């Protein structure tokens, strides 16, 4: 299982990578493994400004549907259009090709509330 050290993580299994005031968000390798084969990703929040912990979309696997949560507050700038036709990218490459959204960071102090890789591994028992 892959846990990039340069990312921050949430207790709800999202990851976030920040460059300047833009952050990329997706779900972790652990999360996609727990969900199983992902068959559909629905994100209809582009252009919206959402608070930390707000739902920004859903991911549907063969067995279940899970909400996707904002790791920090921000405006949804972009949605990974490739997931519309290839939702399996989340399973195959959750940290690169399977990213979900790009957001404009509203409050960078919220990043301090997120988990580093060591804390996230402890959370999931790795």
N, C-alpha and C. Protein backbone atom coordinates (compact mmCIF):
# COMPACT_ATOMS: atom_id res chain seq x y z
N UNK A 1 0.84 -1.18 0.00
CA UNK A 1 0.00 0.00 0.00
C UNK A 1 0.89 1.24 0.00
N UNK A 2 0.46 2.24 -0.73
CA UNK A 2 1.27 3.43 -0.96
C UNK A 2 0.75 4.60 -0.10
N UNK A 3 1.67 5.25 0.62
CA UNK A 3 1.34 6.42 1.44
C UNK A 3 2.39 7.49 1.22
N UNK A 4 2.23 8.34 0.19
CA UNK A 4 3.23 9.38 -0.06
C UNK A 4 3.45 10.28 1.17
N UNK A 5 4.70 10.51 1.49
CA UNK A 5 5.06 11.28 2.68
C UNK A 5 4.80 12.77 2.53
N UNK A 6 4.70 13.26 1.28
CA UNK A 6 4.53 14.69 1.06
C UNK A 6 3.08 15.15 1.15
N UNK A 7 2.16 14.23 1.40
CA UNK A 7 0.74 14.57 1.45
C UNK A 7 0.26 14.72 2.89
N UNK A 8 -0.90 15.35 3.05
CA UNK A 8 -1.62 15.38 4.32
C UNK A 8 -2.85 14.50 4.12
N UNK A 9 -3.37 13.98 5.22
CA UNK A 9 -4.48 13.02 5.17
C UNK A 9 -5.58 13.40 6.14
N UNK A 10 -6.79 12.90 5.86
CA UNK A 10 -7.92 13.11 6.77
C UNK A 10 -8.31 11.79 7.41
N UNK A 11 -9.08 11.88 8.47
CA UNK A 11 -9.59 10.67 9.13
C UNK A 11 -10.64 9.98 8.25
N UNK A 12 -11.17 10.71 7.26
CA UNK A 12 -12.16 10.14 6.34
C UNK A 12 -11.49 9.57 5.08
N UNK A 13 -10.16 9.53 5.08
CA UNK A 13 -9.36 8.87 4.03
C UNK A 13 -9.22 9.66 2.73
N UNK A 14 -9.30 11.00 2.83
CA UNK A 14 -8.92 11.83 1.70
C UNK A 14 -7.45 12.22 1.87
N UNK A 15 -6.79 12.51 0.74
CA UNK A 15 -5.44 13.07 0.78
C UNK A 15 -5.48 14.44 0.13
N UNK A 16 -4.50 15.27 0.49
CA UNK A 16 -4.42 16.62 -0.07
C UNK A 16 -2.96 16.98 -0.30
N UNK A 17 -2.73 17.60 -1.44
CA UNK A 17 -1.41 18.10 -1.81
C UNK A 17 -1.58 19.58 -2.14
N UNK A 18 -0.76 20.44 -1.53
CA UNK A 18 -0.91 21.87 -1.70
C UNK A 18 0.30 22.46 -2.41
N UNK A 19 0.01 23.24 -3.46
CA UNK A 19 1.05 24.01 -4.15
C UNK A 19 0.55 25.44 -4.23
N UNK A 20 1.20 26.33 -3.47
CA UNK A 20 0.73 27.72 -3.42
C UNK A 20 -0.62 27.78 -2.74
N UNK A 21 -1.62 28.36 -3.43
CA UNK A 21 -2.96 28.42 -2.85
C UNK A 21 -3.93 27.47 -3.54
N UNK A 22 -3.38 26.49 -4.27
CA UNK A 22 -4.22 25.48 -4.93
C UNK A 22 -3.87 24.10 -4.36
N UNK A 23 -4.91 23.36 -4.01
CA UNK A 23 -4.72 22.03 -3.46
C UNK A 23 -5.41 21.00 -4.34
N UNK A 24 -4.79 19.83 -4.44
CA UNK A 24 -5.37 18.69 -5.15
C UNK A 24 -5.83 17.70 -4.10
N UNK A 25 -7.01 17.13 -4.31
CA UNK A 25 -7.63 16.23 -3.33
C UNK A 25 -8.05 14.94 -4.01
N UNK A 26 -7.89 13.83 -3.30
CA UNK A 26 -8.36 12.53 -3.76
C UNK A 26 -8.59 11.62 -2.57
N UNK A 27 -8.82 10.34 -2.85
CA UNK A 27 -8.94 9.38 -1.75
C UNK A 27 -7.67 8.53 -1.71
N UNK A 28 -7.38 8.01 -0.54
CA UNK A 28 -6.13 7.29 -0.33
C UNK A 28 -6.16 5.89 -0.94
N UNK A 29 -4.98 5.33 -1.07
CA UNK A 29 -4.83 3.96 -1.54
C UNK A 29 -5.60 3.01 -0.62
N UNK A 30 -5.53 3.26 0.67
CA UNK A 30 -6.27 2.44 1.64
C UNK A 30 -7.77 2.51 1.36
N UNK A 31 -8.28 3.73 1.14
CA UNK A 31 -9.72 3.91 0.91
C UNK A 31 -10.18 3.19 -0.35
N UNK A 32 -9.43 3.36 -1.44
CA UNK A 32 -9.86 2.70 -2.68
C UNK A 32 -9.83 1.18 -2.52
N UNK A 33 -8.86 0.67 -1.75
CA UNK A 33 -8.79 -0.77 -1.50
C UNK A 33 -9.97 -1.28 -0.69
N UNK A 34 -10.38 -0.48 0.29
CA UNK A 34 -11.54 -0.85 1.12
C UNK A 34 -12.83 -0.80 0.31
N UNK A 35 -12.95 0.17 -0.59
CA UNK A 35 -14.16 0.30 -1.40
C UNK A 35 -14.28 -0.81 -2.43
N UNK A 36 -13.17 -1.26 -2.97
CA UNK A 36 -13.20 -2.23 -4.05
C UNK A 36 -13.28 -1.53 -5.39
N UNK A 37 -13.78 -2.23 -6.39
CA UNK A 37 -13.81 -1.67 -7.75
C UNK A 37 -14.74 -0.47 -7.84
N UNK A 38 -14.15 0.68 -8.17
CA UNK A 38 -14.91 1.92 -8.28
C UNK A 38 -15.51 1.99 -9.68
N UNK A 39 -16.83 2.21 -9.73
CA UNK A 39 -17.54 2.19 -11.00
C UNK A 39 -18.08 3.57 -11.41
N UNK A 40 -18.11 4.52 -10.47
CA UNK A 40 -18.66 5.83 -10.80
C UNK A 40 -18.18 6.86 -9.78
N UNK A 41 -17.80 8.03 -10.26
CA UNK A 41 -17.44 9.16 -9.40
C UNK A 41 -18.34 10.32 -9.79
N UNK A 42 -19.05 10.88 -8.82
CA UNK A 42 -19.95 11.99 -9.10
C UNK A 42 -19.51 13.21 -8.28
N UNK A 43 -19.11 14.26 -9.00
CA UNK A 43 -18.72 15.51 -8.37
C UNK A 43 -19.37 16.64 -9.17
N UNK A 44 -20.36 17.28 -8.56
CA UNK A 44 -21.10 18.34 -9.24
C UNK A 44 -20.97 19.65 -8.47
N UNK A 45 -19.80 19.88 -7.87
CA UNK A 45 -19.61 21.05 -7.02
C UNK A 45 -18.61 22.05 -7.60
N UNK A 46 -18.23 21.88 -8.87
CA UNK A 46 -17.28 22.80 -9.49
C UNK A 46 -17.82 24.22 -9.41
N UNK A 47 -16.95 25.15 -8.99
CA UNK A 47 -17.35 26.55 -8.86
C UNK A 47 -17.92 26.90 -7.50
N UNK A 48 -18.19 25.90 -6.68
CA UNK A 48 -18.75 26.16 -5.35
C UNK A 48 -17.64 26.31 -4.32
N UNK A 49 -17.90 27.15 -3.33
CA UNK A 49 -17.00 27.27 -2.18
C UNK A 49 -17.62 26.48 -1.04
N UNK A 50 -16.86 25.53 -0.54
CA UNK A 50 -17.37 24.62 0.49
C UNK A 50 -16.52 24.70 1.75
N UNK A 51 -17.15 24.47 2.88
CA UNK A 51 -16.46 24.47 4.16
C UNK A 51 -15.73 23.15 4.37
N UNK A 52 -14.73 23.20 5.24
CA UNK A 52 -14.03 21.98 5.65
C UNK A 52 -15.07 20.96 6.12
N UNK A 53 -14.88 19.71 5.75
CA UNK A 53 -15.75 18.57 6.11
C UNK A 53 -17.06 18.52 5.33
N UNK A 54 -17.34 19.49 4.46
CA UNK A 54 -18.55 19.43 3.63
C UNK A 54 -18.37 18.35 2.57
N UNK A 55 -19.47 17.78 2.12
CA UNK A 55 -19.44 16.76 1.07
C UNK A 55 -19.26 17.45 -0.28
N UNK A 56 -18.25 17.00 -1.06
CA UNK A 56 -18.06 17.60 -2.38
C UNK A 56 -18.42 16.65 -3.51
N UNK A 57 -18.76 15.41 -3.19
CA UNK A 57 -19.15 14.44 -4.21
C UNK A 57 -19.32 13.06 -3.59
N UNK A 58 -19.47 12.08 -4.48
CA UNK A 58 -19.58 10.69 -4.03
C UNK A 58 -18.77 9.79 -4.95
N UNK A 59 -18.37 8.68 -4.40
CA UNK A 59 -17.69 7.65 -5.17
C UNK A 59 -18.50 6.37 -4.98
N UNK A 60 -18.80 5.72 -6.11
CA UNK A 60 -19.62 4.51 -6.08
C UNK A 60 -18.75 3.32 -6.46
N UNK A 61 -18.75 2.34 -5.58
CA UNK A 61 -18.06 1.08 -5.84
C UNK A 61 -19.13 0.00 -6.06
N UNK A 62 -18.69 -1.19 -6.41
CA UNK A 62 -19.63 -2.27 -6.69
C UNK A 62 -20.54 -2.51 -5.49
N UNK A 63 -19.98 -2.39 -4.27
CA UNK A 63 -20.73 -2.74 -3.06
C UNK A 63 -21.35 -1.56 -2.31
N UNK A 64 -20.88 -0.33 -2.56
CA UNK A 64 -21.29 0.77 -1.70
C UNK A 64 -21.11 2.12 -2.39
N UNK A 65 -21.71 3.15 -1.80
CA UNK A 65 -21.50 4.53 -2.22
C UNK A 65 -20.96 5.28 -1.01
N UNK A 66 -19.90 6.06 -1.21
CA UNK A 66 -19.30 6.82 -0.12
C UNK A 66 -19.23 8.30 -0.48
N UNK A 67 -19.49 9.13 0.52
CA UNK A 67 -19.34 10.57 0.34
C UNK A 67 -17.87 10.94 0.31
N UNK A 68 -17.57 12.03 -0.38
CA UNK A 68 -16.23 12.61 -0.42
C UNK A 68 -16.27 13.91 0.36
N UNK A 69 -15.32 14.11 1.27
CA UNK A 69 -15.35 15.26 2.17
C UNK A 69 -14.20 16.21 1.90
N UNK A 70 -14.46 17.50 2.03
CA UNK A 70 -13.44 18.54 1.88
C UNK A 70 -12.46 18.45 3.05
N UNK A 71 -11.17 18.29 2.77
CA UNK A 71 -10.20 18.26 3.87
C UNK A 71 -9.97 19.64 4.47
N UNK A 72 -10.17 20.70 3.66
CA UNK A 72 -10.07 22.09 4.11
C UNK A 72 -11.11 22.89 3.34
N UNK A 73 -11.37 24.10 3.79
CA UNK A 73 -12.32 24.98 3.10
C UNK A 73 -11.71 25.50 1.80
N UNK A 74 -12.56 25.67 0.79
CA UNK A 74 -12.07 26.23 -0.45
C UNK A 74 -13.08 26.15 -1.58
N UNK A 75 -12.71 26.77 -2.69
CA UNK A 75 -13.55 26.77 -3.90
C UNK A 75 -13.08 25.65 -4.82
N UNK A 76 -14.03 24.86 -5.31
CA UNK A 76 -13.71 23.79 -6.26
C UNK A 76 -13.39 24.45 -7.61
N UNK A 77 -12.12 24.41 -7.99
CA UNK A 77 -11.68 25.03 -9.24
C UNK A 77 -11.80 24.09 -10.43
N UNK A 78 -11.54 22.81 -10.18
CA UNK A 78 -11.48 21.85 -11.28
C UNK A 78 -11.87 20.47 -10.77
N UNK A 79 -12.46 19.69 -11.65
CA UNK A 79 -12.82 18.30 -11.36
C UNK A 79 -12.11 17.43 -12.39
N UNK A 80 -11.59 16.30 -11.96
CA UNK A 80 -10.88 15.39 -12.86
C UNK A 80 -11.87 14.79 -13.86
N UNK A 81 -11.92 15.36 -15.06
CA UNK A 81 -12.86 14.91 -16.09
C UNK A 81 -12.60 13.47 -16.52
N UNK A 82 -11.37 13.00 -16.39
CA UNK A 82 -11.03 11.64 -16.78
C UNK A 82 -11.78 10.58 -15.99
N UNK A 83 -12.23 10.93 -14.79
CA UNK A 83 -12.93 9.96 -13.95
C UNK A 83 -14.33 9.66 -14.46
N UNK A 84 -14.86 10.55 -15.29
CA UNK A 84 -16.20 10.32 -15.84
C UNK A 84 -16.22 9.06 -16.71
N UNK A 85 -15.21 8.90 -17.55
CA UNK A 85 -15.15 7.73 -18.42
C UNK A 85 -14.27 6.62 -17.87
N UNK A 86 -13.40 6.95 -16.92
CA UNK A 86 -12.49 5.95 -16.35
C UNK A 86 -12.43 6.05 -14.82
N UNK A 87 -13.53 5.74 -14.14
CA UNK A 87 -13.52 5.82 -12.67
C UNK A 87 -12.50 4.87 -12.04
N UNK A 88 -12.12 3.84 -12.78
CA UNK A 88 -11.14 2.86 -12.26
C UNK A 88 -9.76 3.49 -12.04
N UNK A 89 -9.52 4.69 -12.57
CA UNK A 89 -8.26 5.38 -12.31
C UNK A 89 -8.04 5.58 -10.81
N UNK A 90 -9.14 5.73 -10.06
CA UNK A 90 -9.03 5.89 -8.61
C UNK A 90 -8.42 4.63 -8.00
N UNK A 91 -8.81 3.45 -8.50
CA UNK A 91 -8.22 2.20 -8.01
C UNK A 91 -6.78 2.03 -8.48
N UNK A 92 -6.53 2.36 -9.74
CA UNK A 92 -5.22 2.10 -10.34
C UNK A 92 -4.15 3.08 -9.90
N UNK A 93 -4.51 4.34 -9.68
CA UNK A 93 -3.52 5.38 -9.43
C UNK A 93 -4.14 6.50 -8.58
N UNK A 94 -4.48 6.22 -7.31
CA UNK A 94 -5.24 7.18 -6.52
C UNK A 94 -4.55 8.52 -6.29
N UNK A 95 -3.22 8.56 -6.36
CA UNK A 95 -2.50 9.80 -6.05
C UNK A 95 -2.12 10.63 -7.28
N UNK A 96 -2.30 10.10 -8.46
CA UNK A 96 -1.95 10.85 -9.67
C UNK A 96 -3.15 10.90 -10.61
N UNK A 97 -3.32 9.90 -11.45
CA UNK A 97 -4.41 9.90 -12.42
C UNK A 97 -5.78 9.88 -11.79
N UNK A 98 -5.89 9.41 -10.53
CA UNK A 98 -7.19 9.28 -9.87
C UNK A 98 -7.54 10.41 -8.93
N UNK A 99 -6.85 11.56 -9.05
CA UNK A 99 -7.23 12.70 -8.20
C UNK A 99 -8.67 13.10 -8.49
N UNK A 100 -9.30 13.77 -7.53
CA UNK A 100 -10.73 14.10 -7.65
C UNK A 100 -10.97 15.57 -8.02
N UNK A 101 -10.45 16.49 -7.18
CA UNK A 101 -10.71 17.92 -7.39
C UNK A 101 -9.47 18.74 -7.09
N UNK A 102 -9.47 19.95 -7.66
CA UNK A 102 -8.48 20.97 -7.30
C UNK A 102 -9.27 22.10 -6.65
N UNK A 103 -8.76 22.59 -5.54
CA UNK A 103 -9.47 23.64 -4.82
C UNK A 103 -8.56 24.84 -4.55
N UNK A 104 -9.19 26.00 -4.49
CA UNK A 104 -8.48 27.22 -4.08
C UNK A 104 -8.59 27.28 -2.56
N UNK A 105 -7.46 27.24 -1.89
CA UNK A 105 -7.42 27.19 -0.44
C UNK A 105 -7.97 28.48 0.15
N UNK A 106 -8.97 28.37 1.04
CA UNK A 106 -9.54 29.54 1.71
C UNK A 106 -8.81 29.86 3.01
N UNK A 107 -8.43 28.82 3.76
CA UNK A 107 -7.83 29.02 5.08
C UNK A 107 -6.71 28.02 5.26
N UNK A 108 -5.49 28.42 4.96
CA UNK A 108 -4.35 27.50 5.03
C UNK A 108 -4.08 27.00 6.44
N UNK A 109 -4.56 27.70 7.46
CA UNK A 109 -4.38 27.24 8.84
C UNK A 109 -5.07 25.90 9.08
N UNK A 110 -6.11 25.60 8.30
CA UNK A 110 -6.81 24.32 8.45
C UNK A 110 -5.92 23.13 8.11
N UNK A 111 -4.87 23.37 7.33
CA UNK A 111 -3.93 22.28 7.00
C UNK A 111 -3.27 21.72 8.26
N UNK A 112 -3.16 22.54 9.29
CA UNK A 112 -2.55 22.09 10.54
C UNK A 112 -3.38 21.04 11.26
N UNK A 113 -4.67 20.95 10.92
CA UNK A 113 -5.56 19.97 11.55
C UNK A 113 -5.50 18.60 10.89
N UNK A 114 -4.80 18.50 9.76
CA UNK A 114 -4.75 17.24 9.02
C UNK A 114 -3.64 16.33 9.54
N UNK A 115 -3.70 15.08 9.14
CA UNK A 115 -2.74 14.07 9.60
C UNK A 115 -1.53 14.03 8.68
N UNK A 116 -0.35 13.82 9.26
CA UNK A 116 0.82 13.51 8.43
C UNK A 116 0.80 12.01 8.16
N UNK A 117 1.74 11.53 7.36
CA UNK A 117 1.72 10.13 6.95
C UNK A 117 1.83 9.19 8.15
N UNK A 118 2.61 9.53 9.15
CA UNK A 118 2.77 8.67 10.33
C UNK A 118 1.46 8.55 11.09
N UNK A 119 0.78 9.67 11.29
CA UNK A 119 -0.50 9.66 12.00
C UNK A 119 -1.58 8.91 11.21
N UNK A 120 -1.56 9.07 9.88
CA UNK A 120 -2.56 8.37 9.06
C UNK A 120 -2.32 6.86 9.10
N UNK A 121 -1.06 6.44 9.01
CA UNK A 121 -0.77 5.01 9.08
C UNK A 121 -1.21 4.44 10.43
N UNK A 122 -1.02 5.19 11.51
CA UNK A 122 -1.46 4.75 12.83
C UNK A 122 -2.98 4.62 12.87
N UNK A 123 -3.67 5.57 12.24
CA UNK A 123 -5.14 5.56 12.21
C UNK A 123 -5.66 4.27 11.57
N UNK A 124 -5.03 3.84 10.48
CA UNK A 124 -5.54 2.67 9.76
C UNK A 124 -4.83 1.38 10.17
N UNK A 125 -3.93 1.47 11.13
CA UNK A 125 -3.27 0.27 11.66
C UNK A 125 -2.15 -0.27 10.80
N UNK A 126 -1.41 0.61 10.11
CA UNK A 126 -0.28 0.17 9.28
C UNK A 126 1.03 0.59 9.88
